[in-house]
Amino acid sequence: MASRDPRWVLKDRPSFALIIGLIVTGLCALVSFAFDVFNGAPVQFFISLLLALAPVPLLLAAVLALDRMEPEPRSNLIFAFAWGAGVAVLVAGLINSLNLHYIIDTANLSAANARNVAATFGAPVVEESMKGLVLLGLLRFRRAEFDGPTDGVIYASMVGLGFAMSENVSYYVAALNSDQGGMGLAVTVVLRGVLSPFAHPLFTSMIGVAVAYAAQRNGSDRVFIIMAGWVGAMLLHGLWNGLTSYGGFPGLVIAYLVLLVVLVVLIALVLRDRRRIVALIQRYLPPYEPTKLVNRADIYMLSALSRRRQARQWAKVHGGKRGLRAMRDYQLAATELGLLHERAAKRMVDEQTFHEEQRALLECMSAARAGFPMTPAHFRAAARGTPPPGYAPGAPG
């Protein structure tokens, strides 16, 4: 069999399907923004767009901070965000508008009451379904990327942030068009952009966690797990909308407390998942010590984010950008090797796929180690069987 670059297991090459998907999501976002321009004025739209975009870098950084142990492919993250900002928000907006008109025409309610009913009972079903579709797509075509609940939270948060960004543009335009004008805009920005920026990511994380658990299973119960997460997302979304629509200030306080509890639970879940990955590294990597590609110092370094960061700093100081890239490749390949063993133990990959990816990951680790910076002090440490100075402080010798 012809050899190929072993880094294929780490590379994130955009596929033709991804490119088409991004074009479609981009066009949907443009159509959605066109509606916002039509509902307001170009100046109002650009003010709203800037306000909606302003917190996005900080929010993305907060989400990606959870994704440091085993980073997800950038193409998947970009597509999830684009789906939320384009396809999901456009289709959900159209369906929500039709639902609102139907309620007004048939229920004999005022426009304000009809909006509250639609927001509480209709919007959660439509919006969570549209956001959840991309997670089902990732489960179908990128199942191997769901190594645990952390991955589900990451992807759900990305689609939720994209959706919230585009939706906020519409809300800000509407606020500017209201009788309150600038004051209404200020209140809306505080409520949506400052006090509840993670609302949509938290709602959809119910689906993301369920999809991640389903990805680890092969039985028919996968459907029930996903449905449970789907219902959970809709109920949480509906509870939030209902409390903020009908509950007044006390309802708003309760709604924020509910979101805070969900956030704490998800953070605890991510921390537990991180410990699970560390346990996999400590379980599956020691048998590879005879290959000289991993030793006790390496396992010690890989078992904590702080020590991984120290090792990358060591590699950058002594080897520059080349050393830093080698260390990043080594850390990712070693982590993926532990996760590959877990997938094999759960029969998520066949034997041929396991051996092919195992060989590629070991070759990645070998190439990365060859790129590590080595000075006379490092050679002396290697001869003694101890870690190089500054590589993994506190590591066993």
Protein backbone atom coordinates (compact mmCIF):
# COMPACT_ATOMS: atom_id res chain seq x y z
CA MET A 1 0.00 0.00 0.00
CA ALA A 2 1.35 3.42 -0.92
CA SER A 3 2.50 5.45 2.03
CA ARG A 4 1.02 8.83 2.84
CA ASP A 5 1.77 11.69 5.17
CA PRO A 6 1.10 10.31 8.68
CA ARG A 7 -0.30 13.69 9.73
CA TRP A 8 -3.48 12.89 7.79
CA VAL A 9 -5.07 11.92 11.10
CA LEU A 10 -4.42 15.43 12.43
CA LYS A 11 -4.90 17.52 9.30
CA ASP A 12 -8.05 19.50 8.85
CA ARG A 13 -8.44 19.78 5.10
CA PRO A 14 -11.66 21.46 3.96
CA SER A 15 -13.70 19.01 1.90
CA PHE A 16 -15.78 19.92 -1.13
CA ALA A 17 -18.94 19.25 0.89
CA LEU A 18 -17.72 21.66 3.59
CA ILE A 19 -17.06 24.38 1.03
CA ILE A 20 -20.55 23.96 -0.46
CA GLY A 21 -22.04 23.96 3.03
CA LEU A 22 -20.28 27.20 3.94
CA ILE A 23 -21.51 28.82 0.72
CA VAL A 24 -25.09 27.80 1.52
CA THR A 25 -24.88 28.99 5.12
CA GLY A 26 -23.31 32.25 3.97
CA LEU A 27 -26.10 32.87 1.49
CA CYS A 28 -28.70 32.15 4.18
CA ALA A 29 -27.00 34.63 6.50
CA LEU A 30 -27.07 37.27 3.77
CA VAL A 31 -30.79 36.68 3.19
CA SER A 32 -31.44 36.94 6.92
CA PHE A 33 -29.49 40.20 7.10
CA ALA A 34 -31.38 41.46 4.05
CA PHE A 35 -34.62 41.09 6.02
CA ASP A 36 -33.05 43.11 8.83
CA VAL A 37 -32.06 45.87 6.41
CA PHE A 38 -35.58 45.87 4.98
CA ASN A 39 -37.11 46.12 8.47
CA GLY A 40 -34.91 49.05 9.41
CA ALA A 41 -32.49 51.31 7.60
CA PRO A 42 -28.92 50.60 6.47
CA VAL A 43 -27.51 52.74 9.27
CA GLN A 44 -29.64 50.98 11.89
CA PHE A 45 -28.63 47.60 10.49
CA PHE A 46 -24.89 48.30 10.62
CA ILE A 47 -25.16 49.66 14.16
CA SER A 48 -27.02 46.50 15.16
CA LEU A 49 -24.55 44.26 13.33
CA LEU A 50 -21.56 45.84 15.07
CA LEU A 51 -23.22 45.50 18.47
CA ALA A 52 -24.04 41.85 17.77
CA LEU A 53 -20.49 41.11 16.58
CA ALA A 54 -18.72 42.92 19.42
CA PRO A 55 -18.96 40.18 22.10
CA VAL A 56 -18.46 37.27 19.69
CA PRO A 57 -14.62 37.02 19.94
CA LEU A 58 -14.78 36.95 23.73
CA LEU A 59 -17.60 34.39 23.73
CA LEU A 60 -15.77 32.18 21.23
CA ALA A 61 -12.62 32.36 23.35
CA ALA A 62 -14.61 31.28 26.41
CA VAL A 63 -16.06 28.28 24.56
CA LEU A 64 -12.77 27.25 22.96
CA ALA A 65 -11.06 27.42 26.36
CA LEU A 66 -12.97 24.21 27.13
CA ASP A 67 -11.49 22.58 24.03
CA ARG A 68 -7.79 22.50 24.92
CA MET A 69 -7.24 18.87 25.86
CA GLU A 70 -8.26 17.48 22.46
CA PRO A 71 -9.06 20.39 20.09
CA GLU A 72 -11.81 19.80 17.54
CA PRO A 73 -11.16 20.32 13.81
CA ARG A 74 -11.52 23.97 12.90
CA SER A 75 -13.60 23.16 9.83
CA ASN A 76 -16.24 21.45 12.00
CA LEU A 77 -16.33 24.38 14.42
CA ILE A 78 -16.61 26.94 11.64
CA PHE A 79 -19.41 25.02 9.95
CA ALA A 80 -21.35 24.66 13.21
CA PHE A 81 -21.10 28.40 13.85
CA ALA A 82 -22.03 29.23 10.25
CA TRP A 83 -25.03 26.88 10.35
CA GLY A 84 -26.35 28.65 13.42
CA ALA A 85 -25.73 32.12 11.98
CA GLY A 86 -27.16 31.27 8.56
CA VAL A 87 -29.42 28.31 7.89
CA ALA A 88 -30.81 27.87 11.41
CA VAL A 89 -31.63 31.51 12.06
CA LEU A 90 -33.17 32.07 8.62
CA VAL A 91 -35.43 29.01 8.60
CA ALA A 92 -36.38 29.46 12.26
CA GLY A 93 -37.17 33.13 11.65
CA LEU A 94 -39.46 32.34 8.74
CA ILE A 95 -41.31 29.58 10.62
CA ASN A 96 -41.60 31.69 13.76
CA SER A 97 -43.09 34.55 11.72
CA LEU A 98 -45.67 32.22 10.17
CA ASN A 99 -46.53 30.83 13.61
CA LEU A 100 -46.97 34.34 14.98
CA HIS A 101 -49.34 35.34 12.18
CA TYR A 102 -51.29 32.11 12.63
CA ILE A 103 -51.71 32.75 16.38
CA ILE A 104 -52.83 36.33 15.78
CA ASP A 105 -55.35 35.25 13.14
CA THR A 106 -56.82 32.29 15.04
CA ALA A 107 -56.46 33.00 18.78
CA ASN A 108 -57.85 36.53 18.84
CA LEU A 109 -54.87 37.80 20.81
CA SER A 110 -53.10 41.12 20.73
CA ALA A 111 -49.76 41.25 18.94
CA ALA A 112 -47.87 41.44 22.25
CA ASN A 113 -49.68 38.44 23.78
CA ALA A 114 -49.30 36.48 20.55
CA ARG A 115 -45.56 37.11 20.56
CA ASN A 116 -45.29 35.83 24.14
CA VAL A 117 -47.23 32.67 23.27
CA ALA A 118 -45.14 32.06 20.15
CA ALA A 119 -41.89 32.70 22.05
CA THR A 120 -42.83 30.32 24.88
CA PHE A 121 -44.36 27.41 23.01
CA GLY A 122 -43.39 27.69 19.35
CA ALA A 123 -39.92 29.22 19.10
CA PRO A 124 -38.16 26.67 21.36
CA VAL A 125 -39.36 23.76 19.23
CA VAL A 126 -38.40 25.41 15.94
CA GLU A 127 -35.10 26.95 16.97
CA GLU A 128 -33.71 23.97 18.88
CA SER A 129 -34.68 21.66 16.03
CA MET A 130 -32.88 23.83 13.49
CA LYS A 131 -29.77 24.10 15.66
CA GLY A 132 -29.85 20.42 16.52
CA LEU A 133 -29.85 19.35 12.88
CA VAL A 134 -26.18 20.26 12.44
CA LEU A 135 -25.31 18.13 15.47
CA LEU A 136 -27.11 15.18 13.90
CA GLY A 137 -25.15 15.82 10.71
CA LEU A 138 -21.88 15.76 12.61
CA LEU A 139 -22.97 12.55 14.33
CA ARG A 140 -23.71 10.98 10.96
CA PHE A 141 -20.61 12.12 9.07
CA ARG A 142 -18.09 12.99 11.84
CA ARG A 143 -19.00 10.53 14.57
CA ALA A 144 -15.38 9.88 15.51
CA GLU A 145 -15.03 13.53 16.57
CA PHE A 146 -17.47 13.00 19.46
CA ASP A 147 -15.07 11.57 22.03
CA GLY A 148 -17.12 12.67 25.03
CA PRO A 149 -19.65 15.20 26.35
CA THR A 150 -17.12 18.03 26.08
CA ASP A 151 -17.23 17.74 22.30
CA GLY A 152 -21.03 17.89 22.35
CA VAL A 153 -20.93 21.05 24.47
CA ILE A 154 -18.34 22.64 22.16
CA TYR A 155 -20.26 22.00 18.93
CA ALA A 156 -23.60 22.97 20.49
CA SER A 157 -22.09 26.18 21.84
CA MET A 158 -20.68 27.08 18.44
CA VAL A 159 -24.02 26.70 16.68
CA GLY A 160 -25.73 28.50 19.56
CA LEU A 161 -23.34 31.45 19.41
CA GLY A 162 -23.82 31.75 15.65
CA PHE A 163 -27.59 31.68 16.06
CA ALA A 164 -27.57 34.23 18.89
CA MET A 165 -25.34 36.61 16.94
CA SER A 166 -27.64 36.73 13.91
CA GLU A 167 -30.78 36.80 16.05
CA ASN A 168 -29.42 39.70 18.07
CA VAL A 169 -29.10 41.77 14.92
CA SER A 170 -32.86 41.41 14.36
CA TYR A 171 -33.63 42.28 17.99
CA TYR A 172 -31.38 45.33 17.92
CA VAL A 173 -32.94 46.60 14.69
CA ALA A 174 -36.41 46.15 16.21
CA ALA A 175 -35.33 48.02 19.33
CA LEU A 176 -34.06 50.93 17.27
CA ASN A 177 -37.36 51.01 15.39
CA SER A 178 -39.39 51.05 18.60
CA ASP A 179 -40.74 54.16 20.27
CA GLN A 180 -37.97 53.98 22.87
CA GLY A 181 -35.26 54.23 20.22
CA GLY A 182 -31.76 54.41 21.72
CA MET A 183 -32.96 53.60 25.24
CA GLY A 184 -34.73 50.49 23.98
CA LEU A 185 -31.58 49.47 22.14
CA ALA A 186 -29.47 49.93 25.28
CA VAL A 187 -31.81 47.77 27.36
CA THR A 188 -31.92 45.07 24.67
CA VAL A 189 -28.13 45.01 24.33
CA VAL A 190 -27.72 44.64 28.09
CA LEU A 191 -30.32 41.87 28.37
CA ARG A 192 -29.22 39.87 25.32
CA GLY A 193 -25.59 40.74 24.72
CA VAL A 194 -24.36 41.20 28.29
CA LEU A 195 -26.59 39.30 30.72
CA SER A 196 -27.55 36.27 28.63
CA PRO A 197 -24.95 35.72 25.88
CA PHE A 198 -24.72 31.99 26.65
CA ALA A 199 -28.47 31.31 26.68
CA HIS A 200 -28.64 29.70 23.23
CA PRO A 201 -25.40 27.70 23.71
CA LEU A 202 -26.74 26.36 27.01
CA PHE A 203 -30.09 25.37 25.49
CA THR A 204 -28.50 23.51 22.60
CA SER A 205 -25.87 21.91 24.83
CA MET A 206 -28.63 19.58 26.04
CA ILE A 207 -28.74 18.17 22.50
CA GLY A 208 -24.96 18.28 22.17
CA VAL A 209 -24.36 16.21 25.30
CA ALA A 210 -27.02 13.70 24.22
CA VAL A 211 -25.49 13.38 20.75
CA ALA A 212 -22.03 12.87 22.29
CA TYR A 213 -23.32 10.06 24.51
CA ALA A 214 -25.17 8.53 21.56
CA ALA A 215 -21.93 8.58 19.55
CA GLN A 216 -20.37 6.26 22.13
CA ARG A 217 -23.10 3.66 21.69
CA ASN A 218 -24.16 1.26 18.95
CA GLY A 219 -27.58 0.13 20.20
CA SER A 220 -31.08 1.32 19.47
CA ASP A 221 -31.14 3.35 22.68
CA ARG A 222 -29.18 6.03 20.84
CA VAL A 223 -32.47 7.40 19.48
CA PHE A 224 -33.95 7.73 22.96
CA ILE A 225 -30.83 9.44 24.27
CA ILE A 226 -30.93 12.03 21.48
CA MET A 227 -34.68 12.57 21.91
CA ALA A 228 -34.19 13.12 25.65
CA GLY A 229 -31.58 15.77 24.95
CA TRP A 230 -33.78 17.35 22.29
CA VAL A 231 -36.76 17.59 24.65
CA GLY A 232 -34.48 18.94 27.38
CA ALA A 233 -33.24 21.72 25.10
CA MET A 234 -36.77 22.71 24.10
CA LEU A 235 -38.04 22.66 27.69
CA LEU A 236 -35.12 24.75 28.94
CA HIS A 237 -35.58 27.21 26.07
CA GLY A 238 -39.34 27.38 26.64
CA LEU A 239 -38.88 27.85 30.40
CA TRP A 240 -36.48 30.73 29.77
CA ASN A 241 -38.79 32.43 27.28
CA GLY A 242 -41.86 31.87 29.47
CA LEU A 243 -40.26 33.24 32.62
CA THR A 244 -38.87 36.30 30.84
CA SER A 245 -42.19 36.92 29.03
CA TYR A 246 -44.68 36.38 31.86
CA GLY A 247 -42.71 36.39 35.09
CA GLY A 248 -41.67 40.04 35.29
CA PHE A 249 -38.59 40.78 37.38
CA PRO A 250 -39.00 37.70 39.65
CA GLY A 251 -39.34 35.52 36.56
CA LEU A 252 -36.20 37.06 35.10
CA VAL A 253 -34.27 36.29 38.29
CA ILE A 254 -35.51 32.68 38.31
CA ALA A 255 -34.61 32.31 34.63
CA TYR A 256 -31.04 33.44 35.26
CA LEU A 257 -30.73 31.13 38.25
CA VAL A 258 -31.85 28.21 36.10
CA LEU A 259 -29.23 29.07 33.45
CA LEU A 260 -26.59 29.40 36.16
CA VAL A 261 -27.38 25.92 37.48
CA VAL A 262 -27.20 24.47 33.95
CA LEU A 263 -23.88 26.24 33.35
CA VAL A 264 -22.40 24.84 36.57
CA VAL A 265 -23.57 21.32 35.70
CA LEU A 266 -22.05 21.54 32.22
CA ILE A 267 -18.73 22.82 33.57
CA ALA A 268 -18.66 19.94 36.06
CA LEU A 269 -19.38 17.55 33.18
CA VAL A 270 -16.50 19.00 31.15
CA LEU A 271 -14.09 18.69 34.09
CA ARG A 272 -15.17 15.09 34.65
CA ASP A 273 -14.66 14.36 30.96
CA ARG A 274 -11.18 15.89 31.12
CA ARG A 275 -10.29 13.52 33.98
CA ARG A 276 -11.56 10.64 31.86
CA ILE A 277 -9.21 11.59 29.00
CA VAL A 278 -6.29 11.84 31.41
CA ALA A 279 -7.14 8.37 32.71
CA LEU A 280 -7.11 7.04 29.14
CA ILE A 281 -3.65 8.52 28.57
CA GLN A 282 -2.35 7.00 31.78
CA ARG A 283 -3.91 3.63 30.94
CA TYR A 284 -3.11 3.16 27.26
CA LEU A 285 0.19 4.99 26.70
CA PRO A 286 2.56 3.18 29.15
CA PRO A 287 2.59 0.00 26.98
CA TYR A 288 4.17 2.12 24.23
CA GLU A 289 7.24 2.96 26.34
CA PRO A 290 9.37 0.27 24.60
CA THR A 291 8.92 2.19 21.33
CA LYS A 292 10.83 5.13 22.91
CA LEU A 293 8.03 7.40 21.66
CA VAL A 294 6.64 7.94 25.16
CA ASN A 295 8.03 7.73 28.68
CA ARG A 296 6.88 8.48 32.21
CA ALA A 297 7.81 12.14 31.87
CA ASP A 298 5.72 12.42 28.71
CA ILE A 299 2.69 10.82 30.37
CA TYR A 300 3.12 13.12 33.36
CA MET A 301 3.29 16.12 31.03
CA LEU A 302 0.22 15.01 29.05
CA SER A 303 -1.88 14.52 32.18
CA ALA A 304 -2.47 18.22 32.97
CA LEU A 305 -3.22 21.28 30.87
CA SER A 306 -0.75 23.38 32.86
CA ARG A 307 2.10 20.93 32.19
CA ARG A 308 1.15 20.72 28.52
CA ARG A 309 1.41 24.49 28.35
CA GLN A 310 4.81 24.43 30.11
CA ALA A 311 6.05 21.85 27.61
CA ARG A 312 4.91 24.01 24.67
CA GLN A 313 6.69 27.00 26.19
CA TRP A 314 9.83 24.89 26.62
CA ALA A 315 9.62 23.77 22.99
CA LYS A 316 9.14 27.35 21.76
CA VAL A 317 12.02 28.72 23.82
CA HIS A 318 14.48 26.07 22.63
CA GLY A 319 13.12 25.29 19.16
CA GLY A 320 11.16 28.31 18.00
CA LYS A 321 8.06 27.85 15.88
CA ARG A 322 9.24 24.47 14.59
CA GLY A 323 9.66 23.15 18.12
CA LEU A 324 6.29 24.55 19.20
CA ARG A 325 4.55 22.89 16.25
CA ALA A 326 6.29 19.60 17.00
CA MET A 327 5.16 19.71 20.62
CA ARG A 328 1.58 20.53 19.64
CA ASP A 329 1.56 17.64 17.16
CA TYR A 330 3.00 15.30 19.77
CA GLN A 331 0.45 16.25 22.42
CA LEU A 332 -2.49 15.94 20.05
CA ALA A 333 -1.32 12.64 18.54
CA ALA A 334 -0.68 11.12 21.98
CA THR A 335 -4.11 12.19 23.21
CA GLU A 336 -5.78 10.88 20.06
CA LEU A 337 -3.96 7.57 20.57
CA GLY A 338 -5.57 7.14 23.98
CA LEU A 339 -8.99 8.03 22.57
CA LEU A 340 -8.45 5.63 19.66
CA HIS A 341 -7.93 2.79 22.11
CA GLU A 342 -11.17 3.73 23.87
CA ARG A 343 -13.08 3.72 20.57
CA ALA A 344 -11.63 0.30 19.79
CA ALA A 345 -12.60 -1.01 23.24
CA LYS A 346 -16.16 0.16 22.59
CA ARG A 347 -16.10 -1.41 19.10
CA MET A 348 -16.64 1.95 17.44
CA VAL A 349 -13.85 1.21 14.94
CA ASP A 350 -12.95 -2.03 13.21
CA GLU A 351 -9.57 -3.69 13.58
CA GLN A 352 -8.22 -2.47 10.23
CA THR A 353 -9.14 1.14 10.95
CA PHE A 354 -7.66 0.89 14.43
CA HIS A 355 -4.29 -0.38 13.17
CA GLU A 356 -4.19 2.15 10.34
CA GLU A 357 -4.86 5.11 12.64
CA GLN A 358 -2.61 3.68 15.37
CA ARG A 359 0.30 3.44 12.92
CA ALA A 360 -0.30 6.97 11.64
CA LEU A 361 -0.49 8.42 15.15
CA LEU A 362 2.72 6.67 16.20
CA GLU A 363 4.43 8.02 13.09
CA CYS A 364 3.17 11.48 14.01
CA MET A 365 4.64 11.12 17.49
CA SER A 366 7.92 9.90 16.02
CA ALA A 367 8.13 12.82 13.57
CA ALA A 368 7.22 15.25 16.36
CA ARG A 369 9.89 13.90 18.71
CA ALA A 370 12.45 14.31 15.95
CA GLY A 371 11.45 17.98 15.85
CA PHE A 372 11.94 18.53 19.59
CA PRO A 373 14.83 20.92 20.37
CA MET A 374 17.90 19.17 21.77
CA THR A 375 20.86 20.85 23.49
CA PRO A 376 23.79 19.15 25.28
CA ALA A 377 21.80 19.36 28.53
CA HIS A 378 18.90 17.61 26.84
CA PHE A 379 21.15 14.83 25.53
CA ARG A 380 22.59 14.30 29.02
CA ALA A 381 19.06 14.13 30.45
CA ALA A 382 18.04 11.63 27.78
CA ALA A 383 21.05 9.45 28.62
CA ARG A 384 20.02 9.46 32.29
CA GLY A 385 16.41 8.67 31.38
CA THR A 386 15.14 11.91 32.93
CA PRO A 387 13.10 14.70 31.33
CA PRO A 388 15.01 17.64 29.82
CA PRO A 389 15.26 20.77 32.00
CA GLY A 390 11.97 22.69 31.91
CA TYR A 391 10.15 20.04 29.87
CA ALA A 392 7.88 18.65 32.59
CA PRO A 393 8.77 20.10 36.00
CA GLY A 394 8.13 17.62 38.77
CA ALA A 395 8.06 14.63 36.43
CA PRO A 396 9.38 11.30 37.73
CA GLY A 397 12.95 10.62 36.68
